[in-house]
Structures are given as structure tokens and as C-alpha cells.
């Protein structure tokens, strides 16, 4: 089974509502990541063969926890090569995504992949989260740092009256009790092993921090 067919089979199994167009975009996304990764290291080299599970499906763990409503706005902080933002943007075409990272060459990759996939709902900017002035319904991120460090960067990024379930959806792994306690925040933890059967997800979680 080729890598791209494997991605299609994997995702259609967990998300049967995906359209043919979306599945084709995910297949192409996998190919584009492989191509770009040979020029600019956006995914660890040893991980490229596990792209479908470790990166695309992992990013879509957020979609198992929250369905972003049409016309809402999502900020992806520290997106790196576009994760989790690009896989989520394919899943939610009527939602606006703003992907930010402080490393310009990674943002260049994100912009090129978004352009190739015709993702008109994606903007990618080289900047730090604290410098983003716009307001969003949701913030997503994949384990950039400890929650106590991360929250102050984005706590002012939310709309005053945002969507229901407004807040941060943070992909993390491992034992988080101490880290969550240290943050002093109200959090709700969703175990991805309850959504996906692959061993990779055994300790992977989506931490939801509601906006008070």
C-alpha cells in the first residue's frame, strides 16, 4: 500500500464524513510534506514514514473533541510545518485559519502547501503569538511548551463573545497532572486513545482550556 493510499484508508476509517475532495487533499498533503521535508526539515526525518498517524491523524484529534462552526476563526500557534492547522483547515473548509510561527522558512513551507492544496481559508504569518492583534474563537497548538508558559501568550487572543466551546485546544502527550496543576487553569483533558486505536495515541491528549 502506498503512503498516500494508507493516509486515505486511515482517515476515511476514522472520519467517514470526509468527501472525496478532502481525502484527495490529505493524500496530496502527505506527498507535499515528503517533498518539502527533503529541502527543509519540518518533520523529524525518522517520522516521515509515520506521517499519516503521527502528524495528520494526530492533528485531527482536535476534530474528535470540537467541531469548529462555520465562519469561526482559529489561530494555530507555533505551527511549525503547518500542524495541526493544515489538516484541520482541510476538515473545516468554512472556518478561517491563521497559522503563525516565528521561523520564516517553516512558514514558507506552510504557505506553499496551502497554495498547492487551494486552501483559501488559510493565512500563514511569520510572527510570535503575542504580536498577533486579531481575535479568534479558538486557539490550537501542538505542545509548544508547558501550559503555564503558553497561556499568557494567547490569553488575549480570544473574541469577547466567541463561539460556544471557545478556548484553547492543546495537543499534549504523557502525564500532565503536574503541568496542569502548575498552570492554575480550568482544563478538560480528552484521551486520544479513546478515539484512535494506534499505539502512538496511548498517552496522547487534547487539553481544552475554556475562556472564562
N, C-alpha and C. Protein backbone atom coordinates (compact mmCIF):
# COMPACT_ATOMS: atom_id res chain seq x y z
N UNK A 1 0.85 -1.19 0.00
CA UNK A 1 0.00 0.00 0.00
C UNK A 1 0.89 1.24 0.00
N UNK A 2 0.64 2.16 -0.93
CA UNK A 2 1.46 3.37 -0.98
C UNK A 2 1.15 4.27 0.22
N UNK A 3 2.06 5.20 0.48
CA UNK A 3 1.86 6.12 1.62
C UNK A 3 0.53 6.87 1.49
N UNK A 4 0.26 7.37 0.26
CA UNK A 4 -0.94 8.21 0.11
C UNK A 4 -2.21 7.37 0.26
N UNK A 5 -2.20 6.13 -0.27
CA UNK A 5 -3.37 5.27 -0.09
C UNK A 5 -3.57 4.96 1.38
N UNK A 6 -2.45 4.76 2.08
CA UNK A 6 -2.53 4.46 3.51
C UNK A 6 -3.18 5.62 4.26
N UNK A 7 -2.83 6.86 3.89
CA UNK A 7 -3.42 8.04 4.54
C UNK A 7 -4.93 8.07 4.29
N UNK A 8 -5.33 7.81 3.04
CA UNK A 8 -6.75 7.81 2.69
C UNK A 8 -7.51 6.76 3.52
N UNK A 9 -6.97 5.54 3.59
CA UNK A 9 -7.64 4.46 4.32
C UNK A 9 -7.74 4.80 5.80
N UNK A 10 -6.64 5.31 6.34
CA UNK A 10 -6.59 5.68 7.76
C UNK A 10 -7.66 6.73 8.10
N UNK A 11 -7.70 7.80 7.32
CA UNK A 11 -8.58 8.92 7.65
C UNK A 11 -10.04 8.60 7.36
N UNK A 12 -10.31 7.88 6.27
CA UNK A 12 -11.72 7.59 5.96
C UNK A 12 -12.29 6.63 7.00
N UNK A 13 -11.44 5.81 7.61
CA UNK A 13 -11.91 4.92 8.68
C UNK A 13 -12.37 5.68 9.91
N UNK A 14 -11.61 6.71 10.29
CA UNK A 14 -11.94 7.47 11.50
C UNK A 14 -12.91 8.61 11.24
N UNK A 15 -12.92 9.12 10.00
CA UNK A 15 -13.78 10.26 9.65
C UNK A 15 -14.57 9.92 8.39
N UNK A 16 -15.59 9.05 8.52
CA UNK A 16 -16.32 8.60 7.33
C UNK A 16 -17.04 9.73 6.60
N UNK A 17 -17.19 10.89 7.26
CA UNK A 17 -17.89 12.01 6.60
C UNK A 17 -17.00 12.76 5.61
N UNK A 18 -15.71 12.44 5.54
CA UNK A 18 -14.80 13.15 4.63
C UNK A 18 -15.22 12.92 3.17
N UNK A 19 -15.18 13.99 2.38
CA UNK A 19 -15.55 13.90 0.96
C UNK A 19 -14.35 13.40 0.16
N UNK A 20 -14.62 13.04 -1.07
CA UNK A 20 -13.55 12.61 -1.99
C UNK A 20 -12.51 13.73 -2.14
N UNK A 21 -12.99 14.96 -2.27
CA UNK A 21 -12.08 16.10 -2.42
C UNK A 21 -11.17 16.24 -1.19
N UNK A 22 -11.73 16.07 -0.01
CA UNK A 22 -10.92 16.18 1.21
C UNK A 22 -9.90 15.05 1.29
N UNK A 23 -10.32 13.84 0.96
CA UNK A 23 -9.38 12.70 1.00
C UNK A 23 -8.24 12.91 0.01
N UNK A 24 -8.56 13.44 -1.16
CA UNK A 24 -7.51 13.73 -2.15
C UNK A 24 -6.55 14.78 -1.61
N UNK A 25 -7.08 15.78 -0.92
CA UNK A 25 -6.21 16.82 -0.34
C UNK A 25 -5.28 16.23 0.71
N UNK A 26 -5.80 15.33 1.55
CA UNK A 26 -4.93 14.70 2.56
C UNK A 26 -3.85 13.84 1.91
N UNK A 27 -4.21 13.12 0.86
CA UNK A 27 -3.21 12.32 0.14
C UNK A 27 -2.10 13.23 -0.40
N UNK A 28 -2.55 14.31 -1.04
CA UNK A 28 -1.59 15.26 -1.64
C UNK A 28 -0.75 15.93 -0.55
N UNK A 29 -1.39 16.23 0.58
CA UNK A 29 -0.66 16.83 1.70
C UNK A 29 0.49 15.93 2.14
N UNK A 30 0.21 14.64 2.21
CA UNK A 30 1.27 13.70 2.58
C UNK A 30 2.43 13.74 1.60
N UNK A 31 2.11 13.79 0.31
CA UNK A 31 3.16 13.85 -0.72
C UNK A 31 3.96 15.15 -0.60
N UNK A 32 3.24 16.26 -0.38
CA UNK A 32 3.92 17.56 -0.29
C UNK A 32 4.84 17.63 0.92
N UNK A 33 4.39 17.08 2.05
CA UNK A 33 5.27 17.06 3.23
C UNK A 33 6.54 16.26 2.94
N UNK A 34 6.39 15.13 2.24
CA UNK A 34 7.58 14.33 1.93
C UNK A 34 8.54 15.12 1.04
N UNK A 35 7.97 15.81 0.04
CA UNK A 35 8.81 16.59 -0.88
C UNK A 35 9.52 17.73 -0.15
N UNK A 36 8.76 18.50 0.61
CA UNK A 36 9.33 19.66 1.28
C UNK A 36 10.33 19.26 2.36
N UNK A 37 10.06 18.14 3.00
CA UNK A 37 10.91 17.74 4.12
C UNK A 37 12.33 17.41 3.66
N UNK A 38 12.48 17.09 2.38
CA UNK A 38 13.84 16.83 1.88
C UNK A 38 14.63 18.12 1.74
N UNK A 39 13.91 19.25 1.63
CA UNK A 39 14.59 20.56 1.48
C UNK A 39 14.71 21.27 2.83
N UNK A 40 13.62 21.26 3.58
CA UNK A 40 13.56 21.98 4.86
C UNK A 40 12.97 21.02 5.89
N UNK A 41 13.67 20.83 6.96
CA UNK A 41 13.25 19.82 7.94
C UNK A 41 12.08 20.33 8.78
N UNK A 42 10.86 20.03 8.34
CA UNK A 42 9.69 20.47 9.13
C UNK A 42 9.12 19.34 9.99
N UNK A 43 9.50 18.12 9.64
CA UNK A 43 9.07 16.94 10.41
C UNK A 43 10.32 16.12 10.64
N UNK A 44 10.48 15.54 11.82
CA UNK A 44 11.71 14.81 12.06
C UNK A 44 11.83 13.68 11.03
N UNK A 45 13.04 13.50 10.52
CA UNK A 45 13.27 12.59 9.38
C UNK A 45 12.78 11.17 9.69
N UNK A 46 13.02 10.74 10.90
CA UNK A 46 12.65 9.36 11.26
C UNK A 46 11.13 9.19 11.30
N UNK A 47 10.42 10.30 11.30
CA UNK A 47 8.97 10.29 11.46
C UNK A 47 8.21 10.35 10.14
N UNK A 48 8.93 10.59 9.05
CA UNK A 48 8.24 10.86 7.79
C UNK A 48 7.39 9.67 7.35
N UNK A 49 7.86 8.46 7.59
CA UNK A 49 7.08 7.28 7.19
C UNK A 49 5.82 7.12 8.03
N UNK A 50 5.79 7.80 9.16
CA UNK A 50 4.61 7.73 10.04
C UNK A 50 3.76 9.00 9.93
N UNK A 51 3.95 9.70 8.82
CA UNK A 51 3.29 11.00 8.63
C UNK A 51 1.78 10.93 8.87
N UNK A 52 1.14 9.90 8.34
CA UNK A 52 -0.32 9.80 8.44
C UNK A 52 -0.79 9.74 9.88
N UNK A 53 -0.19 8.86 10.66
CA UNK A 53 -0.62 8.68 12.06
C UNK A 53 -0.06 9.77 12.96
N UNK A 54 1.26 10.00 12.90
CA UNK A 54 1.93 10.87 13.87
C UNK A 54 1.65 12.35 13.65
N UNK A 55 1.26 12.71 12.44
CA UNK A 55 1.10 14.14 12.14
C UNK A 55 -0.30 14.52 11.68
N UNK A 56 -0.78 13.86 10.62
CA UNK A 56 -2.09 14.26 10.10
C UNK A 56 -3.20 13.79 11.04
N UNK A 57 -3.22 12.50 11.36
CA UNK A 57 -4.27 11.99 12.25
C UNK A 57 -4.16 12.62 13.64
N UNK A 58 -2.93 12.79 14.13
CA UNK A 58 -2.74 13.41 15.45
C UNK A 58 -3.35 14.82 15.46
N UNK A 59 -3.09 15.58 14.41
CA UNK A 59 -3.67 16.93 14.31
C UNK A 59 -5.20 16.87 14.35
N UNK A 60 -5.76 15.86 13.69
CA UNK A 60 -7.22 15.74 13.61
C UNK A 60 -7.83 15.21 14.90
N UNK A 61 -7.01 14.86 15.87
CA UNK A 61 -7.53 14.53 17.19
C UNK A 61 -8.37 15.68 17.74
N UNK A 62 -7.99 16.90 17.39
CA UNK A 62 -8.76 18.07 17.84
C UNK A 62 -10.18 18.03 17.29
N UNK A 63 -10.33 17.51 16.06
CA UNK A 63 -11.66 17.42 15.43
C UNK A 63 -12.53 16.35 16.09
N UNK A 64 -11.92 15.46 16.86
CA UNK A 64 -12.71 14.48 17.62
C UNK A 64 -13.27 15.11 18.90
N UNK A 65 -12.70 16.25 19.28
CA UNK A 65 -13.08 16.91 20.54
C UNK A 65 -13.99 18.11 20.30
N UNK A 66 -13.78 18.81 19.18
CA UNK A 66 -14.57 20.02 18.90
C UNK A 66 -14.83 20.09 17.40
N UNK A 67 -16.04 20.52 17.04
CA UNK A 67 -16.36 20.80 15.64
C UNK A 67 -16.41 22.32 15.51
N UNK A 68 -15.47 22.89 14.78
CA UNK A 68 -15.46 24.35 14.63
C UNK A 68 -16.64 24.78 13.77
N UNK A 69 -17.47 25.71 14.28
CA UNK A 69 -18.62 26.13 13.46
C UNK A 69 -18.20 26.95 12.25
N UNK A 70 -19.03 26.92 11.20
CA UNK A 70 -18.75 27.70 10.00
C UNK A 70 -18.54 29.17 10.36
N UNK A 71 -17.59 29.79 9.67
CA UNK A 71 -17.27 31.22 9.81
C UNK A 71 -16.58 31.57 11.13
N UNK A 72 -16.22 30.56 11.92
CA UNK A 72 -15.42 30.88 13.11
C UNK A 72 -13.96 31.05 12.68
N UNK A 73 -13.14 31.52 13.63
CA UNK A 73 -11.73 31.81 13.33
C UNK A 73 -10.83 31.08 14.32
N UNK A 74 -9.78 30.45 13.78
CA UNK A 74 -8.86 29.63 14.58
C UNK A 74 -7.44 30.13 14.39
N UNK A 75 -6.72 30.29 15.49
CA UNK A 75 -5.29 30.65 15.47
C UNK A 75 -4.48 29.41 15.85
N UNK A 76 -3.51 29.05 15.00
CA UNK A 76 -2.60 27.92 15.29
C UNK A 76 -1.24 28.51 15.64
N UNK A 77 -0.83 28.33 16.90
CA UNK A 77 0.38 28.98 17.41
C UNK A 77 1.54 28.00 17.41
N UNK A 78 2.68 28.46 16.85
CA UNK A 78 3.85 27.58 16.78
C UNK A 78 3.58 26.44 15.82
N UNK A 79 3.01 26.78 14.67
CA UNK A 79 2.51 25.77 13.73
C UNK A 79 3.61 24.92 13.11
N UNK A 80 4.87 25.42 13.14
CA UNK A 80 5.96 24.65 12.52
C UNK A 80 5.67 24.48 11.04
N UNK A 81 5.55 23.24 10.60
CA UNK A 81 5.26 22.98 9.19
C UNK A 81 3.78 22.99 8.87
N UNK A 82 2.95 23.50 9.79
CA UNK A 82 1.52 23.61 9.50
C UNK A 82 0.64 22.64 10.26
N UNK A 83 1.15 22.18 11.41
CA UNK A 83 0.41 21.19 12.21
C UNK A 83 0.09 21.77 13.57
N UNK A 84 -1.16 21.68 14.00
CA UNK A 84 -2.28 20.95 13.42
C UNK A 84 -3.11 21.74 12.40
N UNK A 85 -2.71 22.98 12.08
CA UNK A 85 -3.59 23.86 11.30
C UNK A 85 -3.98 23.38 9.92
N UNK A 86 -3.03 22.87 9.13
CA UNK A 86 -3.37 22.49 7.75
C UNK A 86 -4.34 21.30 7.70
N UNK A 87 -4.09 20.22 8.45
CA UNK A 87 -5.09 19.13 8.42
C UNK A 87 -6.47 19.59 8.89
N UNK A 88 -6.52 20.48 9.88
CA UNK A 88 -7.82 20.98 10.36
C UNK A 88 -8.48 21.86 9.31
N UNK A 89 -7.68 22.62 8.56
CA UNK A 89 -8.25 23.51 7.54
C UNK A 89 -8.89 22.72 6.40
N UNK A 90 -8.37 21.54 6.10
CA UNK A 90 -9.00 20.68 5.10
C UNK A 90 -10.33 20.15 5.64
N UNK A 91 -10.33 19.79 6.92
CA UNK A 91 -11.54 19.22 7.53
C UNK A 91 -12.65 20.26 7.67
N UNK A 92 -12.26 21.54 7.92
CA UNK A 92 -13.25 22.60 8.15
C UNK A 92 -13.06 23.72 7.13
N UNK A 93 -13.51 23.51 5.88
CA UNK A 93 -13.23 24.49 4.83
C UNK A 93 -13.92 25.83 5.01
N UNK A 94 -14.99 25.88 5.84
CA UNK A 94 -15.72 27.14 6.04
C UNK A 94 -15.22 27.90 7.27
N UNK A 95 -14.08 27.48 7.81
CA UNK A 95 -13.50 28.12 9.00
C UNK A 95 -12.21 28.80 8.58
N UNK A 96 -11.96 29.99 9.13
CA UNK A 96 -10.73 30.71 8.80
C UNK A 96 -9.61 30.30 9.76
N UNK A 97 -8.47 29.94 9.20
CA UNK A 97 -7.31 29.53 10.00
C UNK A 97 -6.15 30.50 9.78
N UNK A 98 -5.55 30.93 10.90
CA UNK A 98 -4.34 31.77 10.84
C UNK A 98 -3.23 30.98 11.52
N UNK A 99 -2.22 30.59 10.76
CA UNK A 99 -1.11 29.78 11.28
C UNK A 99 0.09 30.68 11.48
N UNK A 100 0.64 30.68 12.69
CA UNK A 100 1.80 31.54 12.96
C UNK A 100 2.97 30.72 13.52
N UNK A 101 4.16 31.15 13.15
CA UNK A 101 5.39 30.56 13.69
C UNK A 101 6.47 31.63 13.57
N UNK A 102 7.44 31.58 14.47
CA UNK A 102 8.49 32.60 14.44
C UNK A 102 9.58 32.25 13.42
N UNK A 103 9.55 31.05 12.85
CA UNK A 103 10.60 30.61 11.92
C UNK A 103 10.11 30.76 10.48
N UNK A 104 10.73 31.69 9.76
CA UNK A 104 10.26 32.05 8.43
C UNK A 104 10.27 30.92 7.43
N UNK A 105 11.31 30.07 7.45
CA UNK A 105 11.36 29.02 6.41
C UNK A 105 10.25 27.98 6.62
N UNK A 106 9.82 27.79 7.87
CA UNK A 106 8.71 26.87 8.11
C UNK A 106 7.40 27.47 7.59
N UNK A 107 7.22 28.76 7.84
CA UNK A 107 6.01 29.44 7.34
C UNK A 107 5.98 29.41 5.81
N UNK A 108 7.14 29.51 5.19
CA UNK A 108 7.20 29.42 3.72
C UNK A 108 6.65 28.06 3.25
N UNK A 109 7.03 26.99 3.93
CA UNK A 109 6.53 25.66 3.59
C UNK A 109 5.01 25.61 3.75
N UNK A 110 4.52 26.16 4.87
CA UNK A 110 3.08 26.17 5.12
C UNK A 110 2.35 26.91 3.99
N UNK A 111 2.87 28.06 3.61
CA UNK A 111 2.23 28.85 2.55
C UNK A 111 2.20 28.08 1.23
N UNK A 112 3.29 27.40 0.93
CA UNK A 112 3.37 26.65 -0.33
C UNK A 112 2.42 25.46 -0.34
N UNK A 113 2.34 24.75 0.78
CA UNK A 113 1.43 23.59 0.85
C UNK A 113 -0.02 24.08 0.77
N UNK A 114 -0.34 25.16 1.48
CA UNK A 114 -1.70 25.71 1.44
C UNK A 114 -2.06 26.14 0.02
N UNK A 115 -1.10 26.73 -0.68
CA UNK A 115 -1.35 27.18 -2.06
C UNK A 115 -1.59 25.97 -2.99
N UNK A 116 -0.74 24.97 -2.87
CA UNK A 116 -0.87 23.76 -3.69
C UNK A 116 -2.21 23.07 -3.47
N UNK A 117 -2.69 23.09 -2.22
CA UNK A 117 -3.94 22.40 -1.89
C UNK A 117 -5.17 23.31 -2.07
N UNK A 118 -4.93 24.55 -2.54
CA UNK A 118 -6.03 25.52 -2.73
C UNK A 118 -6.82 25.74 -1.44
N UNK A 119 -6.09 25.89 -0.34
CA UNK A 119 -6.75 26.13 0.95
C UNK A 119 -6.92 27.64 1.13
N UNK A 120 -8.04 28.15 0.61
CA UNK A 120 -8.27 29.60 0.63
C UNK A 120 -8.64 30.08 2.03
N UNK A 121 -8.84 29.16 2.94
CA UNK A 121 -9.20 29.53 4.32
C UNK A 121 -7.99 29.59 5.24
N UNK A 122 -6.78 29.56 4.66
CA UNK A 122 -5.55 29.56 5.47
C UNK A 122 -4.71 30.80 5.19
N UNK A 123 -4.28 31.46 6.26
CA UNK A 123 -3.26 32.51 6.19
C UNK A 123 -2.11 32.06 7.08
N UNK A 124 -0.89 32.24 6.63
CA UNK A 124 0.27 31.86 7.44
C UNK A 124 1.22 33.06 7.55
N UNK A 125 1.66 33.35 8.77
CA UNK A 125 2.46 34.54 9.03
C UNK A 125 3.64 34.21 9.92
N UNK A 126 4.80 34.78 9.58
CA UNK A 126 5.95 34.65 10.48
C UNK A 126 5.82 35.72 11.58
N UNK A 127 5.42 35.28 12.76
CA UNK A 127 5.27 36.20 13.89
C UNK A 127 5.17 35.39 15.16
N UNK A 128 5.22 36.08 16.29
CA UNK A 128 5.00 35.41 17.57
C UNK A 128 3.56 35.62 18.00
N UNK A 129 3.04 34.68 18.76
CA UNK A 129 1.63 34.74 19.16
C UNK A 129 1.31 36.05 19.86
N UNK A 130 2.24 36.54 20.69
CA UNK A 130 1.98 37.76 21.48
C UNK A 130 1.81 38.98 20.59
N UNK A 131 2.32 38.89 19.34
CA UNK A 131 2.25 40.06 18.45
C UNK A 131 1.02 40.04 17.55
N UNK A 132 0.24 38.97 17.62
CA UNK A 132 -0.96 38.87 16.78
C UNK A 132 -2.06 39.73 17.42
N UNK A 133 -2.62 40.64 16.63
CA UNK A 133 -3.60 41.60 17.17
C UNK A 133 -5.04 41.14 16.97
N UNK A 134 -5.27 40.27 16.00
CA UNK A 134 -6.65 39.84 15.72
C UNK A 134 -7.18 38.98 16.86
N UNK A 135 -8.49 38.79 16.88
CA UNK A 135 -9.14 37.96 17.91
C UNK A 135 -9.77 36.73 17.25
N UNK A 136 -9.81 35.66 18.01
CA UNK A 136 -10.22 34.35 17.45
C UNK A 136 -11.22 33.67 18.38
N UNK A 137 -11.96 32.72 17.79
CA UNK A 137 -12.87 31.89 18.60
C UNK A 137 -12.09 30.77 19.28
N UNK A 138 -11.07 30.27 18.58
CA UNK A 138 -10.32 29.11 19.08
C UNK A 138 -8.83 29.31 18.84
N UNK A 139 -8.03 28.75 19.74
CA UNK A 139 -6.58 28.65 19.53
C UNK A 139 -6.23 27.17 19.59
N UNK A 140 -5.41 26.72 18.65
CA UNK A 140 -4.92 25.34 18.66
C UNK A 140 -3.40 25.36 18.66
N UNK A 141 -2.81 24.30 19.20
CA UNK A 141 -1.36 24.20 19.17
C UNK A 141 -0.94 22.79 19.50
N UNK A 142 0.24 22.43 19.04
CA UNK A 142 0.76 21.12 19.33
C UNK A 142 1.98 21.27 20.24
N UNK A 143 1.75 21.13 21.54
CA UNK A 143 2.81 21.02 22.54
C UNK A 143 4.03 21.89 22.26
N UNK A 144 3.82 23.19 22.28
CA UNK A 144 4.94 24.11 22.06
C UNK A 144 5.77 24.22 23.33
N UNK A 145 5.11 24.31 24.47
CA UNK A 145 5.81 24.48 25.75
C UNK A 145 4.82 24.11 26.86
N UNK A 146 5.24 24.27 28.11
CA UNK A 146 4.32 23.98 29.23
C UNK A 146 3.15 24.96 29.20
N UNK A 147 2.02 24.48 29.61
CA UNK A 147 0.79 25.28 29.53
C UNK A 147 0.92 26.60 30.29
N UNK A 148 1.59 26.56 31.44
CA UNK A 148 1.76 27.79 32.24
C UNK A 148 2.52 28.85 31.47
N UNK A 149 3.45 28.43 30.61
CA UNK A 149 4.20 29.39 29.78
C UNK A 149 3.37 29.83 28.58
N UNK A 150 2.59 28.90 28.06
CA UNK A 150 1.89 29.13 26.79
C UNK A 150 0.69 30.06 26.94
N UNK A 151 -0.08 29.83 28.00
CA UNK A 151 -1.35 30.56 28.16
C UNK A 151 -1.19 32.08 28.10
N UNK A 152 -0.19 32.67 28.77
CA UNK A 152 -0.05 34.14 28.71
C UNK A 152 0.17 34.67 27.29
N UNK A 153 0.75 33.86 26.40
CA UNK A 153 0.97 34.33 25.03
C UNK A 153 -0.35 34.53 24.30
N UNK A 154 -1.37 33.74 24.65
CA UNK A 154 -2.60 33.72 23.84
C UNK A 154 -3.83 34.16 24.61
N UNK A 155 -3.70 34.45 25.90
CA UNK A 155 -4.91 34.69 26.71
C UNK A 155 -5.70 35.90 26.23
N UNK A 156 -5.05 36.82 25.50
CA UNK A 156 -5.77 37.99 24.99
C UNK A 156 -6.16 37.85 23.53
N UNK A 157 -6.05 36.63 22.99
CA UNK A 157 -6.33 36.42 21.56
C UNK A 157 -7.77 36.03 21.28
N UNK A 158 -8.60 35.95 22.32
CA UNK A 158 -9.96 35.44 22.12
C UNK A 158 -10.96 36.57 21.93
N UNK A 159 -11.99 36.29 21.11
CA UNK A 159 -13.08 37.25 20.91
C UNK A 159 -13.85 37.41 22.22
N UNK A 160 -14.41 38.60 22.40
CA UNK A 160 -15.20 38.86 23.62
C UNK A 160 -16.39 37.91 23.71
N UNK A 161 -17.10 37.76 22.59
CA UNK A 161 -18.24 36.84 22.58
C UNK A 161 -18.00 35.84 21.46
N UNK A 162 -17.13 34.90 21.72
CA UNK A 162 -16.76 33.94 20.69
C UNK A 162 -17.76 32.80 20.60
N UNK A 163 -17.41 31.80 19.79
CA UNK A 163 -18.27 30.64 19.58
C UNK A 163 -18.42 29.85 20.88
N UNK A 164 -19.45 29.01 20.93
CA UNK A 164 -19.58 28.07 22.04
C UNK A 164 -18.32 27.20 22.04
N UNK A 165 -17.90 26.74 23.19
CA UNK A 165 -16.66 25.94 23.32
C UNK A 165 -15.41 26.74 22.96
N UNK A 166 -15.51 28.07 23.04
CA UNK A 166 -14.35 28.92 22.76
C UNK A 166 -13.21 28.55 23.72
N UNK A 167 -11.98 28.65 23.22
CA UNK A 167 -10.85 28.38 24.10
C UNK A 167 -9.68 27.77 23.36
N UNK A 168 -8.77 27.22 24.14
CA UNK A 168 -7.54 26.61 23.62
C UNK A 168 -7.71 25.10 23.55
N UNK A 169 -7.30 24.52 22.43
CA UNK A 169 -7.23 23.06 22.27
C UNK A 169 -5.77 22.71 22.01
N UNK A 170 -5.16 22.06 23.00
CA UNK A 170 -3.71 21.89 23.05
C UNK A 170 -3.38 20.41 22.97
N UNK A 171 -2.64 20.00 21.95
CA UNK A 171 -2.24 18.59 21.81
C UNK A 171 -1.00 18.33 22.66
N UNK A 172 -1.12 17.43 23.60
CA UNK A 172 -0.01 17.12 24.51
C UNK A 172 0.11 15.61 24.70
N UNK A 173 1.27 15.16 25.20
CA UNK A 173 1.45 13.74 25.49
C UNK A 173 1.98 13.54 26.89
N UNK A 174 1.88 12.31 27.37
CA UNK A 174 2.49 11.97 28.66
C UNK A 174 1.60 12.28 29.85
N UNK A 175 2.21 12.26 31.03
CA UNK A 175 1.50 12.51 32.28
C UNK A 175 1.44 14.01 32.52
N UNK A 176 0.25 14.57 32.51
CA UNK A 176 0.12 16.04 32.54
C UNK A 176 -0.34 16.58 33.89
N UNK A 177 -0.54 15.71 34.88
CA UNK A 177 -1.13 16.19 36.15
C UNK A 177 -0.38 17.38 36.72
N UNK A 178 0.93 17.25 36.82
CA UNK A 178 1.73 18.32 37.43
C UNK A 178 1.67 19.60 36.59
N UNK A 179 1.81 19.42 35.29
CA UNK A 179 1.80 20.59 34.39
C UNK A 179 0.46 21.32 34.44
N UNK A 180 -0.64 20.58 34.47
CA UNK A 180 -1.96 21.21 34.50
C UNK A 180 -2.19 21.90 35.84
N UNK A 181 -1.74 21.27 36.92
CA UNK A 181 -1.89 21.88 38.24
C UNK A 181 -1.08 23.17 38.31
N UNK A 182 0.15 23.12 37.79
CA UNK A 182 1.04 24.29 37.80
C UNK A 182 0.40 25.48 37.07
N UNK A 183 -0.38 25.20 36.01
CA UNK A 183 -0.94 26.28 35.20
C UNK A 183 -2.01 27.06 35.97
N UNK A 184 -2.65 26.38 36.93
CA UNK A 184 -3.73 27.03 37.67
C UNK A 184 -4.98 27.29 36.85
N UNK A 185 -5.06 26.68 35.66
CA UNK A 185 -6.19 26.92 34.75
C UNK A 185 -7.25 25.84 34.91
N UNK A 186 -8.48 26.17 34.55
CA UNK A 186 -9.52 25.14 34.43
C UNK A 186 -9.24 24.41 33.12
N UNK A 187 -9.09 23.09 33.19
CA UNK A 187 -8.80 22.33 31.98
C UNK A 187 -9.69 21.09 31.90
N UNK A 188 -9.93 20.65 30.68
CA UNK A 188 -10.65 19.39 30.44
C UNK A 188 -9.76 18.56 29.52
N UNK A 189 -9.41 17.37 29.96
CA UNK A 189 -8.48 16.54 29.19
C UNK A 189 -9.24 15.42 28.46
N UNK A 190 -8.98 15.31 27.18
CA UNK A 190 -9.61 14.26 26.35
C UNK A 190 -8.51 13.29 25.91
N UNK A 191 -8.69 12.02 26.18
CA UNK A 191 -7.71 10.98 25.83
C UNK A 191 -7.90 10.57 24.37
N UNK A 192 -6.83 10.70 23.57
CA UNK A 192 -6.98 10.32 22.17
C UNK A 192 -7.00 8.81 21.98
N UNK A 193 -6.55 8.06 22.98
CA UNK A 193 -6.63 6.58 22.85
C UNK A 193 -8.10 6.13 22.82
N UNK A 194 -9.02 6.99 23.29
CA UNK A 194 -10.45 6.66 23.22
C UNK A 194 -11.00 6.89 21.80
N UNK A 195 -10.25 7.62 20.98
CA UNK A 195 -10.69 7.94 19.62
C UNK A 195 -9.98 7.10 18.56
N UNK A 196 -8.69 6.84 18.80
CA UNK A 196 -7.84 6.18 17.79
C UNK A 196 -7.18 4.95 18.41
N UNK A 197 -7.09 3.87 17.64
CA UNK A 197 -6.59 2.61 18.21
C UNK A 197 -5.08 2.43 18.13
N UNK A 198 -4.38 3.24 17.32
CA UNK A 198 -2.92 3.07 17.17
C UNK A 198 -2.21 3.31 18.50
N UNK A 199 -1.17 2.51 18.74
CA UNK A 199 -0.40 2.61 20.00
C UNK A 199 0.18 3.99 20.24
N UNK A 200 0.47 4.71 19.16
CA UNK A 200 1.03 6.06 19.26
C UNK A 200 0.17 6.96 20.16
N UNK A 201 -1.15 6.69 20.20
CA UNK A 201 -2.06 7.59 20.92
C UNK A 201 -2.26 7.21 22.39
N UNK A 202 -1.56 6.20 22.85
CA UNK A 202 -1.77 5.68 24.20
C UNK A 202 -1.72 6.79 25.26
N UNK A 203 -0.75 7.72 25.14
CA UNK A 203 -0.63 8.79 26.15
C UNK A 203 -0.93 10.17 25.57
N UNK A 204 -1.46 10.20 24.35
CA UNK A 204 -1.71 11.50 23.70
C UNK A 204 -3.08 12.05 24.11
N UNK A 205 -3.11 13.37 24.28
CA UNK A 205 -4.33 14.00 24.80
C UNK A 205 -4.59 15.32 24.08
N UNK A 206 -5.85 15.73 24.13
CA UNK A 206 -6.20 17.12 23.77
C UNK A 206 -6.63 17.78 25.08
N UNK A 207 -5.93 18.82 25.46
CA UNK A 207 -6.31 19.58 26.67
C UNK A 207 -7.09 20.80 26.21
N UNK A 208 -8.31 20.91 26.73
CA UNK A 208 -9.17 22.06 26.40
C UNK A 208 -9.15 23.03 27.59
N UNK A 209 -8.82 24.27 27.29
CA UNK A 209 -8.86 25.33 28.31
C UNK A 209 -9.95 26.31 27.90
N UNK A 210 -11.10 26.30 28.58
CA UNK A 210 -12.16 27.23 28.20
C UNK A 210 -11.77 28.67 28.54
N UNK A 211 -12.31 29.60 27.78
CA UNK A 211 -12.11 31.02 28.10
C UNK A 211 -13.17 31.40 29.12
N UNK A 212 -12.73 31.93 30.24
CA UNK A 212 -13.68 32.25 31.31
C UNK A 212 -14.58 33.41 30.86
